[in-house]
Amino acid sequence: MGQGYEDHLVTQKVDIPEVDKVQWRKIDAQLYSVLWQSVDPKILHHLRAYKTCFKFWNQAKGLYTNDIQRLYKVTSSIVNVRQQDMDLSTYIG
């Protein structure tokens, strides 16, 4: 499920061990891009200030609370990342 990246939706950066932070930040930035592309352009300005997947996701959940179909689509886009035998940088890039 999510190639092990769903923790970016539920784990804050401060909770990541220092030894893992560089790699975690790199992956988080790439997944943030996936989230950014999944959101309705009309509300992107409400999410611009949130710079990690965790913060972005928590704010988006609040905005999409009454739109279950859209919330499901955004959730699926991050949880079902398929790399097709590519590393994440190549897949997203």
PDB file of N, CA and C in Angstrom:
ATOM      1  N   MET A   1       0.841  -1.182   0.000  1.00  0.00           N
ATOM      2  CA  MET A   1       0.000   0.000   0.000  1.00  0.00           C
ATOM      3  C   MET A   1       0.884   1.242   0.000  1.00  0.00           C
ATOM      4  N   GLY A   2       0.828   2.060  -1.024  1.00  0.00           N
ATOM      5  CA  GLY A   2       1.555   3.312  -1.074  1.00  0.00           C
ATOM      6  C   GLY A   2       3.061   3.182  -1.127  1.00  0.00           C
ATOM      7  N   GLN A   3       3.563   1.989  -1.386  1.00  0.00           N
ATOM      8  CA  GLN A   3       5.000   1.758  -1.468  1.00  0.00           C
ATOM      9  C   GLN A   3       5.717   2.212  -0.197  1.00  0.00           C
ATOM     10  N   GLY A   4       5.011   2.211   0.932  1.00  0.00           N
ATOM     11  CA  GLY A   4       5.607   2.590   2.207  1.00  0.00           C
ATOM     12  C   GLY A   4       5.651   4.083   2.461  1.00  0.00           C
ATOM     13  N   TYR A   5       4.979   4.872   1.652  1.00  0.00           N
ATOM     14  CA  TYR A   5       5.056   6.327   1.772  1.00  0.00           C
ATOM     15  C   TYR A   5       3.883   6.947   2.515  1.00  0.00           C
ATOM     16  N   GLU A   6       2.882   6.148   2.910  1.00  0.00           N
ATOM     17  CA  GLU A   6       1.720   6.718   3.583  1.00  0.00           C
ATOM     18  C   GLU A   6       2.080   7.373   4.915  1.00  0.00           C
ATOM     19  N   ASP A   7       3.247   7.043   5.468  1.00  0.00           N
ATOM     20  CA  ASP A   7       3.663   7.693   6.719  1.00  0.00           C
ATOM     21  C   ASP A   7       3.835   9.197   6.546  1.00  0.00           C
ATOM     22  N   HIS A   8       4.022   9.657   5.325  1.00  0.00           N
ATOM     23  CA  HIS A   8       4.166  11.095   5.082  1.00  0.00           C
ATOM     24  C   HIS A   8       2.857  11.841   5.326  1.00  0.00           C
ATOM     25  N   LEU A   9       1.735  11.118   5.330  1.00  0.00           N
ATOM     26  CA  LEU A   9       0.441  11.732   5.609  1.00  0.00           C
ATOM     27  C   LEU A   9       0.134  11.782   7.097  1.00  0.00           C
ATOM     28  N   VAL A  10       0.804  10.952   7.875  1.00  0.00           N
ATOM     29  CA  VAL A  10       0.461  10.835   9.294  1.00  0.00           C
ATOM     30  C   VAL A  10       1.620  11.143  10.238  1.00  0.00           C
ATOM     31  N   THR A  11       2.800  11.408   9.707  1.00  0.00           N
ATOM     32  CA  THR A  11       3.978  11.651  10.541  1.00  0.00           C
ATOM     33  C   THR A  11       4.522  13.053  10.288  1.00  0.00           C
ATOM     34  N   GLN A  12       4.697  13.814  11.355  1.00  0.00           N
ATOM     35  CA  GLN A  12       5.277  15.143  11.223  1.00  0.00           C
ATOM     36  C   GLN A  12       6.791  15.044  11.083  1.00  0.00           C
ATOM     37  N   LYS A  13       7.372  16.039  10.450  1.00  0.00           N
ATOM     38  CA  LYS A  13       8.818  16.058  10.241  1.00  0.00           C
ATOM     39  C   LYS A  13       9.586  15.973  11.561  1.00  0.00           C
ATOM     40  N   VAL A  14       9.075  16.592  12.603  1.00  0.00           N
ATOM     41  CA  VAL A  14       9.773  16.579  13.896  1.00  0.00           C
ATOM     42  C   VAL A  14       9.833  15.184  14.512  1.00  0.00           C
ATOM     43  N   ASP A  15       8.966  14.280  14.069  1.00  0.00           N
ATOM     44  CA  ASP A  15       8.939  12.920  14.608  1.00  0.00           C
ATOM     45  C   ASP A  15       9.855  11.955  13.858  1.00  0.00           C
ATOM     46  N   ILE A  16      10.525  12.427  12.821  1.00  0.00           N
ATOM     47  CA  ILE A  16      11.426  11.588  12.034  1.00  0.00           C
ATOM     48  C   ILE A  16      12.803  11.608  12.699  1.00  0.00           C
ATOM     49  N   PRO A  17      13.421  10.444  12.887  1.00  0.00           N
ATOM     50  CA  PRO A  17      14.774  10.411  13.469  1.00  0.00           C
ATOM     51  C   PRO A  17      15.747  11.245  12.624  1.00  0.00           C
ATOM     52  N   GLU A  18      16.627  11.948  13.283  1.00  0.00           N
ATOM     53  CA  GLU A  18      17.572  12.845  12.602  1.00  0.00           C
ATOM     54  C   GLU A  18      18.337  12.137  11.490  1.00  0.00           C
ATOM     55  N   VAL A  19      18.710  10.907  11.698  1.00  0.00           N
ATOM     56  CA  VAL A  19      19.495  10.163  10.717  1.00  0.00           C
ATOM     57  C   VAL A  19      18.709   9.930   9.415  1.00  0.00           C
ATOM     58  N   ASP A  20      17.382   9.948   9.487  1.00  0.00           N
ATOM     59  CA  ASP A  20      16.538   9.680   8.317  1.00  0.00           C
ATOM     60  C   ASP A  20      15.970  10.939   7.669  1.00  0.00           C
ATOM     61  N   LYS A  21      16.204  12.103   8.263  1.00  0.00           N
ATOM     62  CA  LYS A  21      15.523  13.322   7.812  1.00  0.00           C
ATOM     63  C   LYS A  21      15.863  13.748   6.387  1.00  0.00           C
ATOM     64  N   VAL A  22      17.083  13.612   5.961  1.00  0.00           N
ATOM     65  CA  VAL A  22      17.455  14.063   4.614  1.00  0.00           C
ATOM     66  C   VAL A  22      16.663  13.287   3.566  1.00  0.00           C
ATOM     67  N   GLN A  23      16.675  11.971   3.675  1.00  0.00           N
ATOM     68  CA  GLN A  23      15.935  11.140   2.722  1.00  0.00           C
ATOM     69  C   GLN A  23      14.432  11.370   2.856  1.00  0.00           C
ATOM     70  N   TRP A  24      13.945  11.504   4.078  1.00  0.00           N
ATOM     71  CA  TRP A  24      12.522  11.719   4.313  1.00  0.00           C
ATOM     72  C   TRP A  24      12.063  13.023   3.666  1.00  0.00           C
ATOM     73  N   ARG A  25      12.859  14.093   3.826  1.00  0.00           N
ATOM     74  CA  ARG A  25      12.492  15.386   3.232  1.00  0.00           C
ATOM     75  C   ARG A  25      12.457  15.310   1.714  1.00  0.00           C
ATOM     76  N   LYS A  26      13.392  14.585   1.132  1.00  0.00           N
ATOM     77  CA  LYS A  26      13.442  14.436  -0.324  1.00  0.00           C
ATOM     78  C   LYS A  26      12.179  13.736  -0.836  1.00  0.00           C
ATOM     79  N   ILE A  27      11.828  12.631  -0.210  1.00  0.00           N
ATOM     80  CA  ILE A  27      10.630  11.891  -0.616  1.00  0.00           C
ATOM     81  C   ILE A  27       9.376  12.710  -0.337  1.00  0.00           C
ATOM     82  N   ASP A  28       9.340  13.401   0.800  1.00  0.00           N
ATOM     83  CA  ASP A  28       8.182  14.217   1.149  1.00  0.00           C
ATOM     84  C   ASP A  28       7.950  15.308   0.102  1.00  0.00           C
ATOM     85  N   ALA A  29       9.004  15.924  -0.371  1.00  0.00           N
ATOM     86  CA  ALA A  29       8.870  16.966  -1.396  1.00  0.00           C
ATOM     87  C   ALA A  29       8.295  16.390  -2.687  1.00  0.00           C
ATOM     88  N   GLN A  30       8.712  15.197  -3.044  1.00  0.00           N
ATOM     89  CA  GLN A  30       8.205  14.569  -4.260  1.00  0.00           C
ATOM     90  C   GLN A  30       6.734  14.173  -4.107  1.00  0.00           C
ATOM     91  N   LEU A  31       6.382  13.640  -2.957  1.00  0.00           N
ATOM     92  CA  LEU A  31       4.990  13.272  -2.709  1.00  0.00           C
ATOM     93  C   LEU A  31       4.111  14.517  -2.578  1.00  0.00           C
ATOM     94  N   TYR A  32       4.673  15.576  -2.031  1.00  0.00           N
ATOM     95  CA  TYR A  32       3.967  16.855  -1.933  1.00  0.00           C
ATOM     96  C   TYR A  32       3.536  17.307  -3.327  1.00  0.00           C
ATOM     97  N   SER A  33       4.406  17.088  -4.298  1.00  0.00           N
ATOM     98  CA  SER A  33       4.092  17.431  -5.681  1.00  0.00           C
ATOM     99  C   SER A  33       2.888  16.635  -6.186  1.00  0.00           C
ATOM    100  N   VAL A  34       2.817  15.359  -5.826  1.00  0.00           N
ATOM    101  CA  VAL A  34       1.673  14.528  -6.213  1.00  0.00           C
ATOM    102  C   VAL A  34       0.396  15.078  -5.580  1.00  0.00           C
ATOM    103  N   LEU A  35       0.458  15.419  -4.310  1.00  0.00           N
ATOM    104  CA  LEU A  35      -0.712  15.995  -3.641  1.00  0.00           C
ATOM    105  C   LEU A  35      -1.127  17.301  -4.304  1.00  0.00           C
ATOM    106  N   TRP A  36      -0.164  18.152  -4.555  1.00  0.00           N
ATOM    107  CA  TRP A  36      -0.417  19.467  -5.147  1.00  0.00           C
ATOM    108  C   TRP A  36      -1.171  19.332  -6.466  1.00  0.00           C
ATOM    109  N   GLN A  37      -0.768  18.358  -7.280  1.00  0.00           N
ATOM    110  CA  GLN A  37      -1.399  18.145  -8.583  1.00  0.00           C
ATOM    111  C   GLN A  37      -2.781  17.511  -8.471  1.00  0.00           C
ATOM    112  N   SER A  38      -3.116  16.965  -7.314  1.00  0.00           N
ATOM    113  CA  SER A  38      -4.390  16.272  -7.121  1.00  0.00           C
ATOM    114  C   SER A  38      -5.500  17.178  -6.601  1.00  0.00           C
ATOM    115  N   VAL A  39      -5.154  18.374  -6.221  1.00  0.00           N
ATOM    116  CA  VAL A  39      -6.112  19.266  -5.571  1.00  0.00           C
ATOM    117  C   VAL A  39      -6.744  20.202  -6.593  1.00  0.00           C
ATOM    118  N   ASP A  40      -8.006  20.491  -6.387  1.00  0.00           N
ATOM    119  CA  ASP A  40      -8.737  21.425  -7.240  1.00  0.00           C
ATOM    120  C   ASP A  40      -8.012  22.773  -7.239  1.00  0.00           C
ATOM    121  N   PRO A  41      -7.705  23.305  -8.419  1.00  0.00           N
ATOM    122  CA  PRO A  41      -6.963  24.575  -8.502  1.00  0.00           C
ATOM    123  C   PRO A  41      -7.630  25.732  -7.760  1.00  0.00           C
ATOM    124  N   LYS A  42      -8.942  25.661  -7.572  1.00  0.00           N
ATOM    125  CA  LYS A  42      -9.654  26.747  -6.899  1.00  0.00           C
ATOM    126  C   LYS A  42      -9.282  26.883  -5.425  1.00  0.00           C
ATOM    127  N   ILE A  43      -8.761  25.807  -4.827  1.00  0.00           N
ATOM    128  CA  ILE A  43      -8.430  25.907  -3.403  1.00  0.00           C
ATOM    129  C   ILE A  43      -6.931  25.849  -3.124  1.00  0.00           C
ATOM    130  N   LEU A  44      -6.121  25.802  -4.164  1.00  0.00           N
ATOM    131  CA  LEU A  44      -4.671  25.719  -3.949  1.00  0.00           C
ATOM    132  C   LEU A  44      -4.134  26.882  -3.122  1.00  0.00           C
ATOM    133  N   HIS A  45      -4.698  28.062  -3.297  1.00  0.00           N
ATOM    134  CA  HIS A  45      -4.197  29.211  -2.523  1.00  0.00           C
ATOM    135  C   HIS A  45      -4.405  29.011  -1.018  1.00  0.00           C
ATOM    136  N   HIS A  46      -5.376  28.179  -0.629  1.00  0.00           N
ATOM    137  CA  HIS A  46      -5.590  27.882   0.788  1.00  0.00           C
ATOM    138  C   HIS A  46      -4.529  26.928   1.333  1.00  0.00           C
ATOM    139  N   LEU A  47      -3.831  26.230   0.445  1.00  0.00           N
ATOM    140  CA  LEU A  47      -2.881  25.196   0.862  1.00  0.00           C
ATOM    141  C   LEU A  47      -1.423  25.582   0.637  1.00  0.00           C
ATOM    142  N   ARG A  48      -1.197  26.701   0.005  1.00  0.00           N
ATOM    143  CA  ARG A  48       0.155  27.109  -0.380  1.00  0.00           C
ATOM    144  C   ARG A  48       1.122  27.213   0.802  1.00  0.00           C
ATOM    145  N   ALA A  49       0.641  27.581   1.957  1.00  0.00           N
ATOM    146  CA  ALA A  49       1.517  27.789   3.122  1.00  0.00           C
ATOM    147  C   ALA A  49       2.008  26.489   3.754  1.00  0.00           C
ATOM    148  N   TYR A  50       1.413  25.376   3.415  1.00  0.00           N
ATOM    149  CA  TYR A  50       1.745  24.097   4.047  1.00  0.00           C
ATOM    150  C   TYR A  50       2.806  23.386   3.232  1.00  0.00           C
ATOM    151  N   LYS A  51       3.983  23.182   3.814  1.00  0.00           N
ATOM    152  CA  LYS A  51       5.156  22.734   3.055  1.00  0.00           C
ATOM    153  C   LYS A  51       5.539  21.272   3.243  1.00  0.00           C
ATOM    154  N   THR A  52       4.796  20.519   4.040  1.00  0.00           N
ATOM    155  CA  THR A  52       5.053  19.078   4.148  1.00  0.00           C
ATOM    156  C   THR A  52       3.758  18.353   3.804  1.00  0.00           C
ATOM    157  N   CYS A  53       3.873  17.092   3.415  1.00  0.00           N
ATOM    158  CA  CYS A  53       2.681  16.299   3.112  1.00  0.00           C
ATOM    159  C   CYS A  53       1.739  16.262   4.305  1.00  0.00           C
ATOM    160  N   PHE A  54       2.299  16.084   5.496  1.00  0.00           N
ATOM    161  CA  PHE A  54       1.482  15.998   6.707  1.00  0.00           C
ATOM    162  C   PHE A  54       0.643  17.257   6.893  1.00  0.00           C
ATOM    163  N   LYS A  55       1.255  18.421   6.821  1.00  0.00           N
ATOM    164  CA  LYS A  55       0.536  19.680   7.031  1.00  0.00           C
ATOM    165  C   LYS A  55      -0.453  19.949   5.900  1.00  0.00           C
ATOM    166  N   PHE A  56      -0.001  19.737   4.666  1.00  0.00           N
ATOM    167  CA  PHE A  56      -0.852  19.915   3.489  1.00  0.00           C
ATOM    168  C   PHE A  56      -2.071  19.001   3.597  1.00  0.00           C
ATOM    169  N   TRP A  57      -1.825  17.726   3.915  1.00  0.00           N
ATOM    170  CA  TRP A  57      -2.882  16.727   3.990  1.00  0.00           C
ATOM    171  C   TRP A  57      -3.905  17.074   5.062  1.00  0.00           C
ATOM    172  N   ASN A  58      -3.450  17.473   6.237  1.00  0.00           N
ATOM    173  CA  ASN A  58      -4.388  17.803   7.309  1.00  0.00           C
ATOM    174  C   ASN A  58      -5.260  19.001   6.952  1.00  0.00           C
ATOM    175  N   GLN A  59      -4.692  19.978   6.296  1.00  0.00           N
ATOM    176  CA  GLN A  59      -5.487  21.130   5.868  1.00  0.00           C
ATOM    177  C   GLN A  59      -6.449  20.726   4.752  1.00  0.00           C
ATOM    178  N   ALA A  60      -5.986  19.936   3.794  1.00  0.00           N
ATOM    179  CA  ALA A  60      -6.840  19.496   2.684  1.00  0.00           C
ATOM    180  C   ALA A  60      -8.009  18.660   3.200  1.00  0.00           C
ATOM    181  N   LYS A  61      -7.752  17.824   4.198  1.00  0.00           N
ATOM    182  CA  LYS A  61      -8.844  17.019   4.773  1.00  0.00           C
ATOM    183  C   LYS A  61      -9.961  17.925   5.274  1.00  0.00           C
ATOM    184  N   GLY A  62      -9.591  19.014   5.912  1.00  0.00           N
ATOM    185  CA  GLY A  62     -10.593  19.949   6.401  1.00  0.00           C
ATOM    186  C   GLY A  62     -11.378  20.598   5.273  1.00  0.00           C
ATOM    187  N   LEU A  63     -10.699  20.929   4.192  1.00  0.00           N
ATOM    188  CA  LEU A  63     -11.363  21.562   3.059  1.00  0.00           C
ATOM    189  C   LEU A  63     -12.256  20.590   2.297  1.00  0.00           C
ATOM    190  N   TYR A  64     -11.867  19.322   2.261  1.00  0.00           N
ATOM    191  CA  TYR A  64     -12.610  18.319   1.497  1.00  0.00           C
ATOM    192  C   TYR A  64     -13.564  17.491   2.348  1.00  0.00           C
ATOM    193  N   THR A  65     -13.775  17.846   3.584  1.00  0.00           N
ATOM    194  CA  THR A  65     -14.603  17.042   4.480  1.00  0.00           C
ATOM    195  C   THR A  65     -15.974  16.741   3.890  1.00  0.00           C
ATOM    196  N   ASN A  66     -16.569  17.683   3.220  1.00  0.00           N
ATOM    197  CA  ASN A  66     -17.908  17.482   2.658  1.00  0.00           C
ATOM    198  C   ASN A  66     -17.881  16.982   1.219  1.00  0.00           C
ATOM    199  N   ASP A  67     -16.730  16.676   0.690  1.00  0.00           N
ATOM    200  CA  ASP A  67     -16.612  16.186  -0.687  1.00  0.00           C
ATOM    201  C   ASP A  67     -15.889  14.842  -0.659  1.00  0.00           C
ATOM    202  N   ILE A  68     -16.602  13.807  -0.281  1.00  0.00           N
ATOM    203  CA  ILE A  68     -16.018  12.485  -0.079  1.00  0.00           C
ATOM    204  C   ILE A  68     -15.372  11.953  -1.350  1.00  0.00           C
ATOM    205  N   GLN A  69     -16.001  12.163  -2.487  1.00  0.00           N
ATOM    206  CA  GLN A  69     -15.441  11.652  -3.744  1.00  0.00           C
ATOM    207  C   GLN A  69     -14.087  12.292  -4.033  1.00  0.00           C
ATOM    208  N   ARG A  70     -13.978  13.582  -3.858  1.00  0.00           N
ATOM    209  CA  ARG A  70     -12.716  14.282  -4.107  1.00  0.00           C
ATOM    210  C   ARG A  70     -11.666  13.875  -3.070  1.00  0.00           C
ATOM    211  N   LEU A  71     -12.069  13.744  -1.816  1.00  0.00           N
ATOM    212  CA  LEU A  71     -11.152  13.309  -0.770  1.00  0.00           C
ATOM    213  C   LEU A  71     -10.597  11.926  -1.098  1.00  0.00           C
ATOM    214  N   TYR A  72     -11.444  11.036  -1.579  1.00  0.00           N
ATOM    215  CA  TYR A  72     -10.998   9.695  -1.958  1.00  0.00           C
ATOM    216  C   TYR A  72      -9.979   9.770  -3.098  1.00  0.00           C
ATOM    217  N   LYS A  73     -10.239  10.623  -4.087  1.00  0.00           N
ATOM    218  CA  LYS A  73      -9.319  10.749  -5.225  1.00  0.00           C
ATOM    219  C   LYS A  73      -7.946  11.242  -4.763  1.00  0.00           C
ATOM    220  N   VAL A  74      -7.930  12.253  -3.916  1.00  0.00           N
ATOM    221  CA  VAL A  74      -6.660  12.787  -3.416  1.00  0.00           C
ATOM    222  C   VAL A  74      -5.936  11.730  -2.586  1.00  0.00           C
ATOM    223  N   THR A  75      -6.681  11.032  -1.739  1.00  0.00           N
ATOM    224  CA  THR A  75      -6.087   9.972  -0.921  1.00  0.00           C
ATOM    225  C   THR A  75      -5.500   8.876  -1.793  1.00  0.00           C
ATOM    226  N   SER A  76      -6.255   8.450  -2.785  1.00  0.00           N
ATOM    227  CA  SER A  76      -5.784   7.383  -3.677  1.00  0.00           C
ATOM    228  C   SER A  76      -4.525   7.780  -4.425  1.00  0.00           C
ATOM    229  N   SER A  77      -4.429   9.027  -4.830  1.00  0.00           N
ATOM    230  CA  SER A  77      -3.259   9.452  -5.601  1.00  0.00           C
ATOM    231  C   SER A  77      -1.971   9.338  -4.802  1.00  0.00           C
ATOM    232  N   ILE A  78      -2.041   9.552  -3.498  1.00  0.00           N
ATOM    233  CA  ILE A  78      -0.824   9.462  -2.692  1.00  0.00           C
ATOM    234  C   ILE A  78      -0.579   8.041  -2.199  1.00  0.00           C
ATOM    235  N   VAL A  79      -1.627   7.308  -1.854  1.00  0.00           N
ATOM    236  CA  VAL A  79      -1.463   5.967  -1.305  1.00  0.00           C
ATOM    237  C   VAL A  79      -1.147   4.945  -2.389  1.00  0.00           C
ATOM    238  N   ASN A  80      -1.614   5.173  -3.594  1.00  0.00           N
ATOM    239  CA  ASN A  80      -1.423   4.205  -4.669  1.00  0.00           C
ATOM    240  C   ASN A  80      -0.365   4.629  -5.677  1.00  0.00           C
ATOM    241  N   VAL A  81       0.669   5.285  -5.205  1.00  0.00           N
ATOM    242  CA  VAL A  81       1.766   5.663  -6.091  1.00  0.00           C
ATOM    243  C   VAL A  81       2.342   4.394  -6.714  1.00  0.00           C
ATOM    244  N   ARG A  82       2.387   4.367  -8.010  1.00  0.00           N
ATOM    245  CA  ARG A  82       2.942   3.227  -8.733  1.00  0.00           C
ATOM    246  C   ARG A  82       4.187   3.701  -9.481  1.00  0.00           C
ATOM    247  N   GLN A  83       5.301   3.093  -9.186  1.00  0.00           N
ATOM    248  CA  GLN A  83       6.560   3.540  -9.775  1.00  0.00           C
ATOM    249  C   GLN A  83       6.906   2.794 -11.056  1.00  0.00           C
ATOM    250  N   GLN A  84       6.301   1.657 -11.309  1.00  0.00           N
ATOM    251  CA  GLN A  84       6.547   0.888 -12.522  1.00  0.00           C
ATOM    252  C   GLN A  84       8.036   0.672 -12.771  1.00  0.00           C
ATOM    253  N   ASP A  85       8.712   0.074 -11.796  1.00  0.00           N
ATOM    254  CA  ASP A  85      10.133  -0.246 -11.894  1.00  0.00           C
ATOM    255  C   ASP A  85      11.035   0.974 -12.059  1.00  0.00           C
ATOM    256  N   MET A  86      10.605   2.135 -11.568  1.00  0.00           N
ATOM    257  CA  MET A  86      11.427   3.346 -11.609  1.00  0.00           C
ATOM    258  C   MET A  86      11.628   3.823 -10.178  1.00  0.00           C
ATOM    259  N   ASP A  87      12.719   4.549  -9.942  1.00  0.00           N
ATOM    260  CA  ASP A  87      12.837   5.157  -8.630  1.00  0.00           C
ATOM    261  C   ASP A  87      11.861   6.337  -8.571  1.00  0.00           C
ATOM    262  N   LEU A  88      11.542   6.797  -7.367  1.00  0.00           N
ATOM    263  CA  LEU A  88      10.528   7.824  -7.185  1.00  0.00           C
ATOM    264  C   LEU A  88      10.878   9.116  -7.921  1.00  0.00           C
ATOM    265  N   SER A  89      12.146   9.490  -7.942  1.00  0.00           N
ATOM    266  CA  SER A  89      12.568  10.716  -8.633  1.00  0.00           C
ATOM    267  C   SER A  89      12.267  10.645 -10.120  1.00  0.00           C
ATOM    268  N   THR A  90      12.548   9.513 -10.734  1.00  0.00           N
ATOM    269  CA  THR A  90      12.289   9.335 -12.166  1.00  0.00           C
ATOM    270  C   THR A  90      10.795   9.317 -12.429  1.00  0.00           C
ATOM    271  N   TYR A  91      10.043   8.612 -11.580  1.00  0.00           N
ATOM    272  CA  TYR A  91       8.601   8.489 -11.759  1.00  0.00           C
ATOM    273  C   TYR A  91       7.905   9.846 -11.705  1.00  0.00           C
ATOM    274  N   ILE A  92       8.233  10.649 -10.689  1.00  0.00           N
ATOM    275  CA  ILE A  92       7.564  11.934 -10.507  1.00  0.00           C
ATOM    276  C   ILE A  92       8.137  12.996 -11.435  1.00  0.00           C
ATOM    277  N   GLY A  93       9.452  12.950 -11.654  1.00  0.00           N
ATOM    278  CA  GLY A  93      10.141  13.949 -12.459  1.00  0.00           C
ATOM    279  C   GLY A  93       9.696  13.953 -13.851  1.00  0.00           C
TER     280      GLY A  93
END
